[in-house]
């Protein structure tokens, strides 16, 4: 009998939850196996949905069931400015991307509240820049701040180690860095600067080299004080001056011009050979696309060669991404730290240690089970 119980809710809330989750009326009718007319009737208040239908939509929208019982829609933070430059897709996001945007906002808010409890500073420890500043000069300045020399960059054993090094420094600057899965054709990263702590999110469906580039591209947006979602790609020419600035900053940070020249000159005769590209990519933890673009910009290869070799590697990167979908299972404690970062876990741990939050709160904030709690906290307490 309860399965057919009709629930009186605010129709405006019902519609808001659908729209904010990126669902069309047609998609909701298919999910609930009911007519479009019924969905429209729920949204106009002519009819009331059943409890079973609300539970189904709670799962579909990734919202708590309680959200349907709000007295009115909540005024949420606006979506980041859309710099993805995807034709016909302005401010239209995949449902999974919307969930990630919402999750990042929620963690940003939690991070702010918990940091205040323990008197952590939450404003970013950076000097903001202007679009009129030279991105190459700013990149050189921040390489020094990050303590990143050519030798140090070469000594990292894997690009994952390099990513973690950059992430640790950004977290020390009071910037939270999250890694979540989104459709890679929809978004590669975003930056949230309109509230503190500032947040960077990169896409785990990307290759690690692409994530490193996205990380520094989004950091450039933080330096510019912008809240944006985008599609950082060193190989794509963009007319958007801000995206071009951020691309140049990231590229110059990861592979400064003089360093690139010194690497390319001895390999001039075999510069686009698989052996050379693999060796340089492995040593300096940058993508083949970035190496090729620098070769083009510095006059080592013509545009025809650049396009030819780039297409070859883009196809291989796509294959690698598809293979990765069925990759090995990561232990839950490592997965948690990879997703939300040591800084966020440390903030939660310190709040728990000082009795500002309960054990259940901590588990919920970190999205982990009780059996993994001690392992996660042991690796993150600072």
Protein backbone atom coordinates (compact mmCIF):
# COMPACT_ATOMS: atom_id res chain seq x y z
CA UNK A 1 0.00 0.00 0.00
CA UNK A 2 2.73 2.61 0.81
CA UNK A 3 4.13 2.03 -2.70
CA UNK A 4 1.06 3.82 -4.13
CA UNK A 5 0.95 6.52 -1.48
CA UNK A 6 0.67 9.94 -3.13
CA UNK A 7 2.93 12.56 -1.57
CA UNK A 8 1.98 16.22 -1.54
CA UNK A 9 5.10 18.28 -2.31
CA UNK A 10 5.81 21.75 -3.66
CA UNK A 11 5.66 21.36 -7.47
CA UNK A 12 8.26 24.13 -7.83
CA UNK A 13 10.69 21.99 -5.79
CA UNK A 14 9.91 18.95 -7.96
CA UNK A 15 10.74 20.92 -11.12
CA UNK A 16 13.83 22.58 -9.64
CA UNK A 17 15.31 19.21 -8.67
CA UNK A 18 14.81 17.93 -12.22
CA UNK A 19 16.25 20.99 -13.95
CA UNK A 20 19.22 21.35 -11.57
CA UNK A 21 20.13 17.69 -12.18
CA UNK A 22 20.13 18.20 -15.96
CA UNK A 23 17.17 15.92 -16.72
CA UNK A 24 14.52 16.60 -19.37
CA UNK A 25 10.81 15.87 -18.85
CA UNK A 26 11.11 13.06 -21.41
CA UNK A 27 14.01 11.44 -19.54
CA UNK A 28 12.12 11.57 -16.24
CA UNK A 29 9.04 10.01 -17.82
CA UNK A 30 11.20 7.18 -19.19
CA UNK A 31 12.87 6.65 -15.82
CA UNK A 32 9.53 6.48 -13.99
CA UNK A 33 7.85 4.53 -16.81
CA UNK A 34 5.01 7.00 -16.90
CA UNK A 35 3.69 9.54 -19.40
CA UNK A 36 5.15 12.97 -20.11
CA UNK A 37 1.71 14.36 -19.22
CA UNK A 38 2.03 12.91 -15.73
CA UNK A 39 5.44 14.54 -15.20
CA UNK A 40 4.03 17.88 -16.36
CA UNK A 41 1.11 17.39 -13.98
CA UNK A 42 3.53 16.79 -11.08
CA UNK A 43 5.34 20.03 -11.97
CA UNK A 44 2.14 22.06 -12.26
CA UNK A 45 0.70 20.66 -9.03
CA UNK A 46 -2.29 19.01 -10.71
CA UNK A 47 -1.14 15.59 -9.54
CA UNK A 48 1.13 14.29 -6.77
CA UNK A 49 3.89 11.69 -7.28
CA UNK A 50 4.06 8.45 -5.31
CA UNK A 51 6.66 7.74 -2.65
CA UNK A 52 8.15 5.06 -4.91
CA UNK A 53 8.55 7.62 -7.71
CA UNK A 54 10.27 10.10 -5.39
CA UNK A 55 12.68 7.40 -4.20
CA UNK A 56 13.50 6.52 -7.80
CA UNK A 57 14.19 10.17 -8.67
CA UNK A 58 16.24 10.61 -5.50
CA UNK A 59 18.60 7.93 -6.87
CA UNK A 60 18.49 9.34 -10.40
CA UNK A 61 19.26 12.92 -9.34
CA UNK A 62 21.78 11.85 -6.69
CA UNK A 63 19.84 13.91 -4.12
CA UNK A 64 18.59 12.89 -0.65
CA UNK A 65 14.91 11.98 -0.53
CA UNK A 66 14.44 14.83 1.97
CA UNK A 67 15.19 17.35 -0.82
CA UNK A 68 11.73 16.67 -2.31
CA UNK A 69 10.12 17.80 0.95
CA UNK A 70 11.67 21.27 1.00
CA UNK A 71 9.18 24.10 1.30
CA UNK A 72 10.78 25.89 -1.65
CA UNK A 73 13.76 25.51 -4.00
CA UNK A 74 17.16 26.29 -2.50
CA UNK A 75 19.14 29.12 -4.06
CA UNK A 76 22.33 27.31 -5.07
CA UNK A 77 25.60 28.83 -6.22
CA UNK A 78 25.55 29.50 -9.97
CA UNK A 79 27.39 27.10 -12.23
CA UNK A 80 30.95 28.13 -13.14
CA UNK A 81 31.34 30.22 -16.29
CA UNK A 82 31.42 27.88 -19.26
CA UNK A 83 34.73 28.20 -21.14
CA UNK A 84 34.55 24.75 -22.76
CA UNK A 85 33.92 26.19 -26.25
CA UNK A 86 31.81 23.17 -27.20
CA UNK A 87 29.52 24.03 -30.17
CA UNK A 88 25.85 24.09 -29.20
CA UNK A 89 26.64 23.09 -25.60
CA UNK A 90 26.94 26.44 -23.81
CA UNK A 91 25.90 25.84 -20.17
CA UNK A 92 24.60 22.36 -21.07
CA UNK A 93 26.40 19.74 -18.99
CA UNK A 94 26.32 15.98 -18.74
CA UNK A 95 24.41 14.73 -15.69
CA UNK A 96 27.59 13.21 -14.24
CA UNK A 97 29.40 16.54 -14.57
CA UNK A 98 26.53 18.28 -12.74
CA UNK A 99 26.84 15.77 -9.88
CA UNK A 100 30.60 16.47 -9.67
CA UNK A 101 30.02 20.25 -9.67
CA UNK A 102 27.52 19.86 -6.83
CA UNK A 103 29.84 17.54 -4.91
CA UNK A 104 32.76 19.97 -5.21
CA UNK A 105 30.56 22.83 -3.96
CA UNK A 106 29.45 20.72 -1.01
CA UNK A 107 33.02 19.78 -0.09
CA UNK A 108 34.08 23.43 -0.46
CA UNK A 109 31.37 24.45 2.03
CA UNK A 110 32.30 21.63 4.43
CA UNK A 111 35.99 22.56 4.12
CA UNK A 112 35.17 26.17 4.99
CA UNK A 113 33.10 25.32 8.07
CA UNK A 114 35.55 22.74 9.40
CA UNK A 115 38.56 24.99 8.81
CA UNK A 116 36.95 27.77 10.84
CA UNK A 117 36.37 25.34 13.72
CA UNK A 118 40.11 24.74 14.07
CA UNK A 119 41.25 28.25 13.07
CA UNK A 120 42.74 27.19 9.73
CA UNK A 121 43.23 30.01 7.26
CA UNK A 122 41.09 29.39 4.17
CA UNK A 123 42.00 32.24 1.80
CA UNK A 124 44.50 31.22 -0.90
CA UNK A 125 48.13 32.15 -0.28
CA UNK A 126 48.67 33.53 -3.79
CA UNK A 127 49.14 36.90 -5.43
CA UNK A 128 46.45 37.45 -8.02
CA UNK A 129 47.50 38.32 -11.57
CA UNK A 130 45.94 40.16 -14.50
CA UNK A 131 45.34 39.00 -18.06
CA UNK A 132 47.77 41.75 -19.13
CA UNK A 133 50.59 40.02 -17.22
CA UNK A 134 52.88 37.85 -19.31
CA UNK A 135 51.90 34.19 -18.71
CA UNK A 136 55.46 32.99 -19.37
CA UNK A 137 56.85 35.37 -16.74
CA UNK A 138 54.18 34.32 -14.24
CA UNK A 139 54.96 30.65 -14.93
CA UNK A 140 58.66 31.25 -14.29
CA UNK A 141 57.82 33.01 -11.03
CA UNK A 142 55.64 30.12 -9.84
CA UNK A 143 58.16 27.46 -10.84
CA UNK A 144 60.49 29.16 -8.36
CA UNK A 145 57.77 29.36 -5.69
CA UNK A 146 57.07 25.63 -6.22
CA UNK A 147 60.80 24.92 -5.97
CA UNK A 148 60.62 23.19 -9.34
CA UNK A 149 63.92 22.85 -11.19
CA UNK A 150 64.64 20.81 -14.30
CA UNK A 151 66.58 18.31 -12.19
CA UNK A 152 63.74 17.92 -9.68
CA UNK A 153 61.16 17.48 -12.44
CA UNK A 154 63.30 14.78 -14.03
CA UNK A 155 63.82 12.93 -10.74
CA UNK A 156 60.15 12.12 -10.16
CA UNK A 157 59.82 8.42 -10.92
CA UNK A 158 56.32 8.68 -12.37
CA UNK A 159 53.91 11.42 -13.50
CA UNK A 160 51.74 10.42 -10.50
CA UNK A 161 54.57 11.46 -8.16
CA UNK A 162 54.86 14.76 -10.03
CA UNK A 163 51.10 15.35 -9.77
CA UNK A 164 51.18 14.64 -6.02
CA UNK A 165 54.09 17.06 -5.57
CA UNK A 166 52.21 19.87 -7.33
CA UNK A 167 49.00 19.02 -5.45
CA UNK A 168 50.75 19.14 -2.06
CA UNK A 169 52.09 22.62 -2.79
CA UNK A 170 48.70 23.86 -3.97
CA UNK A 171 47.10 22.45 -0.82
CA UNK A 172 49.73 24.25 1.27
CA UNK A 173 48.51 27.41 -0.50
CA UNK A 174 45.02 26.63 0.91
CA UNK A 175 43.68 25.41 -2.43
CA UNK A 176 41.72 22.16 -2.22
CA UNK A 177 42.41 19.79 -5.13
CA UNK A 178 39.83 17.12 -5.92
CA UNK A 179 39.91 14.35 -8.52
CA UNK A 180 36.54 13.06 -9.74
CA UNK A 181 35.29 11.15 -12.75
CA UNK A 182 33.37 13.06 -15.44
CA UNK A 183 32.81 12.29 -19.12
CA UNK A 184 36.11 13.49 -20.59
CA UNK A 185 34.36 14.85 -23.68
CA UNK A 186 32.23 17.10 -21.43
CA UNK A 187 34.82 18.71 -19.11
CA UNK A 188 38.43 18.20 -18.07
CA UNK A 189 38.48 20.47 -15.05
CA UNK A 190 37.12 23.48 -13.23
CA UNK A 191 38.12 26.10 -10.66
CA UNK A 192 35.98 27.62 -7.90
CA UNK A 193 37.26 30.96 -6.59
CA UNK A 194 34.06 32.77 -5.56
CA UNK A 195 34.24 31.22 -2.07
CA UNK A 196 37.09 30.15 0.20
CA UNK A 197 38.77 27.74 0.24
CA UNK A 198 39.38 27.89 -3.51
CA UNK A 199 38.93 24.56 -5.27
CA UNK A 200 40.45 22.84 -8.30
CA UNK A 201 38.84 19.72 -9.78
CA UNK A 202 40.48 17.54 -12.45
CA UNK A 203 39.02 14.59 -14.31
CA UNK A 204 40.21 11.10 -13.38
CA UNK A 205 39.11 9.81 -16.77
CA UNK A 206 41.96 11.79 -18.31
CA UNK A 207 45.52 10.51 -18.63
CA UNK A 208 47.76 11.55 -15.75
CA UNK A 209 49.81 13.83 -18.05
CA UNK A 210 46.59 15.58 -19.15
CA UNK A 211 45.57 15.94 -15.49
CA UNK A 212 48.90 17.59 -14.68
CA UNK A 213 48.27 20.12 -17.46
CA UNK A 214 44.66 20.67 -16.29
CA UNK A 215 45.87 21.14 -12.71
CA UNK A 216 48.17 24.00 -13.67
CA UNK A 217 45.64 25.43 -16.13
CA UNK A 218 43.03 25.61 -13.35
CA UNK A 219 45.63 27.11 -11.01
CA UNK A 220 46.05 29.88 -13.60
CA UNK A 221 42.30 30.57 -13.32
CA UNK A 222 42.71 30.81 -9.54
CA UNK A 223 45.52 33.33 -10.02
CA UNK A 224 43.13 35.31 -12.24
CA UNK A 225 40.35 34.93 -9.64
CA UNK A 226 37.93 33.13 -11.96
CA UNK A 227 35.26 30.49 -11.38
CA UNK A 228 35.13 28.51 -14.62
CA UNK A 229 34.64 25.06 -16.10
CA UNK A 230 36.66 24.28 -19.18
CA UNK A 231 38.41 21.86 -21.46
CA UNK A 232 42.15 22.49 -21.11
CA UNK A 233 43.92 21.15 -24.19
CA UNK A 234 47.37 22.34 -25.12
CA UNK A 235 46.89 21.16 -28.72
CA UNK A 236 43.73 23.21 -29.36
CA UNK A 237 43.99 26.84 -30.46
CA UNK A 238 41.38 28.96 -28.71
CA UNK A 239 40.10 32.45 -29.47
CA UNK A 240 39.22 32.96 -25.83
CA UNK A 241 42.01 35.18 -24.49
CA UNK A 242 41.64 33.92 -20.93
CA UNK A 243 41.82 30.25 -21.94
CA UNK A 244 44.81 31.03 -24.16
CA UNK A 245 46.51 32.77 -21.21
CA UNK A 246 45.89 29.82 -18.90
CA UNK A 247 47.11 27.34 -21.53
CA UNK A 248 50.29 29.36 -22.01
CA UNK A 249 50.84 29.61 -18.26
CA UNK A 250 50.44 25.84 -17.79
CA UNK A 251 52.62 24.99 -20.78
CA UNK A 252 55.36 27.43 -19.73
CA UNK A 253 55.23 26.18 -16.15
CA UNK A 254 55.61 22.53 -17.14
CA UNK A 255 58.10 23.05 -19.97
CA UNK A 256 59.78 26.49 -20.02
CA UNK A 257 61.02 27.69 -23.41
CA UNK A 258 64.75 27.58 -22.64
CA UNK A 259 64.45 24.16 -21.06
CA UNK A 260 62.56 22.91 -24.13
CA UNK A 261 65.26 24.23 -26.48
CA UNK A 262 67.98 22.47 -24.51
CA UNK A 263 66.03 19.21 -24.70
CA UNK A 264 65.15 19.45 -28.39
CA UNK A 265 68.45 20.61 -29.88
CA UNK A 266 70.41 17.34 -29.38
CA UNK A 267 67.45 15.40 -30.83
CA UNK A 268 66.87 17.66 -33.85
CA UNK A 269 67.32 14.87 -36.43
CA UNK A 270 65.04 12.37 -34.67
CA UNK A 271 62.82 14.81 -32.84
CA UNK A 272 59.43 13.23 -33.63
CA UNK A 273 60.54 9.62 -33.45
CA UNK A 274 58.57 7.48 -30.97
CA UNK A 275 61.79 6.86 -29.04
CA UNK A 276 62.50 10.60 -28.58
CA UNK A 277 58.92 11.54 -27.70
CA UNK A 278 58.53 8.62 -25.28
CA UNK A 279 61.84 9.42 -23.61
CA UNK A 280 61.13 13.15 -23.15
CA UNK A 281 57.54 12.52 -22.02
CA UNK A 282 58.72 9.94 -19.47
CA UNK A 283 61.59 12.08 -18.15
CA UNK A 284 59.63 15.33 -17.77
CA UNK A 285 56.10 13.94 -17.11
CA UNK A 286 54.44 15.97 -19.86
CA UNK A 287 52.21 14.81 -22.69
CA UNK A 288 53.38 14.14 -26.23
CA UNK A 289 50.95 16.88 -27.34
CA UNK A 290 52.79 19.45 -25.22
CA UNK A 291 56.17 18.34 -26.55
CA UNK A 292 54.94 18.54 -30.15
CA UNK A 293 53.40 22.00 -29.66
CA UNK A 294 56.67 23.30 -28.22
CA UNK A 295 58.56 21.77 -31.15
CA UNK A 296 56.21 23.61 -33.52
CA UNK A 297 56.41 26.95 -31.66
CA UNK A 298 60.19 26.82 -31.43
CA UNK A 299 60.59 26.01 -35.14
CA UNK A 300 61.77 22.42 -34.84
CA UNK A 301 58.93 20.96 -36.93
CA UNK A 302 56.52 22.35 -39.59
CA UNK A 303 52.78 22.49 -39.00
CA UNK A 304 52.12 19.54 -41.33
CA UNK A 305 54.43 17.31 -39.28
CA UNK A 306 52.91 18.57 -36.04
CA UNK A 307 49.37 17.65 -37.16
CA UNK A 308 50.42 14.27 -38.54
CA UNK A 309 52.21 13.12 -35.37
CA UNK A 310 49.64 14.68 -33.04
CA UNK A 311 46.78 12.73 -34.66
CA UNK A 312 48.72 9.51 -34.18
CA UNK A 313 49.16 10.12 -30.45
CA UNK A 314 45.62 11.40 -29.93
CA UNK A 315 44.31 8.07 -31.23
CA UNK A 316 46.64 6.20 -28.85
CA UNK A 317 45.55 8.35 -25.89
CA UNK A 318 41.91 7.50 -26.65
CA UNK A 319 42.77 3.79 -26.65
CA UNK A 320 44.56 4.16 -23.30
CA UNK A 321 41.54 5.93 -21.79
CA UNK A 322 39.22 3.17 -22.96
CA UNK A 323 41.54 0.50 -21.53
CA UNK A 324 41.69 2.40 -18.23
CA UNK A 325 37.93 2.02 -17.69
CA UNK A 326 38.50 -1.63 -16.81
CA UNK A 327 41.64 -1.02 -14.76
CA UNK A 328 42.57 -2.58 -11.42
CA UNK A 329 40.77 -1.80 -8.18
CA UNK A 330 42.29 0.89 -5.94
CA UNK A 331 42.18 0.24 -2.16
CA UNK A 332 39.42 2.39 -0.54
CA UNK A 333 41.84 4.39 1.65
CA UNK A 334 44.02 5.30 -1.35
CA UNK A 335 40.92 6.08 -3.41
CA UNK A 336 39.66 8.50 -0.75
CA UNK A 337 43.01 10.32 -0.55
CA UNK A 338 43.23 10.45 -4.34
CA UNK A 339 39.73 11.94 -4.62
CA UNK A 340 39.67 14.58 -1.89
CA UNK A 341 43.35 15.05 -1.08
CA UNK A 342 45.45 15.00 2.07
CA UNK A 343 44.48 18.55 3.03
CA UNK A 344 40.74 17.88 3.16
CA UNK A 345 41.21 14.58 5.02
CA UNK A 346 43.51 16.37 7.47
CA UNK A 347 40.86 19.04 8.14
CA UNK A 348 38.26 16.33 8.82
CA UNK A 349 40.72 14.39 11.04
CA UNK A 350 41.54 17.45 13.14
CA UNK A 351 37.86 18.28 13.60
CA UNK A 352 37.19 14.71 14.68
CA UNK A 353 40.17 14.69 17.08
CA UNK A 354 38.92 17.91 18.69
CA UNK A 355 35.30 16.67 18.95
CA UNK A 356 33.84 19.22 16.55
CA UNK A 357 32.30 16.44 14.47
CA UNK A 358 31.08 12.91 15.17
CA UNK A 359 32.48 9.66 13.85
CA UNK A 360 29.47 9.39 11.51
CA UNK A 361 30.05 12.95 10.24
CA UNK A 362 33.66 12.12 9.40
CA UNK A 363 32.65 8.96 7.50
CA UNK A 364 30.04 10.91 5.54
CA UNK A 365 32.37 13.79 4.66
CA UNK A 366 35.01 11.36 3.36
CA UNK A 367 32.53 8.93 1.76
CA UNK A 368 34.26 5.94 3.35
CA UNK A 369 33.24 2.94 5.45
CA UNK A 370 34.14 2.48 9.09
CA UNK A 371 36.69 -0.27 8.38
CA UNK A 372 38.80 2.15 6.27
CA UNK A 373 38.56 5.15 8.61
CA UNK A 374 41.75 4.64 10.63
CA UNK A 375 43.83 3.89 7.52
CA UNK A 376 42.71 7.10 5.82
CA UNK A 377 43.23 9.31 8.87
CA UNK A 378 46.62 7.80 9.68
CA UNK A 379 47.91 8.90 6.28
CA UNK A 380 46.55 12.42 6.51
CA UNK A 381 46.87 13.74 10.08
CA UNK A 382 49.09 16.80 10.13
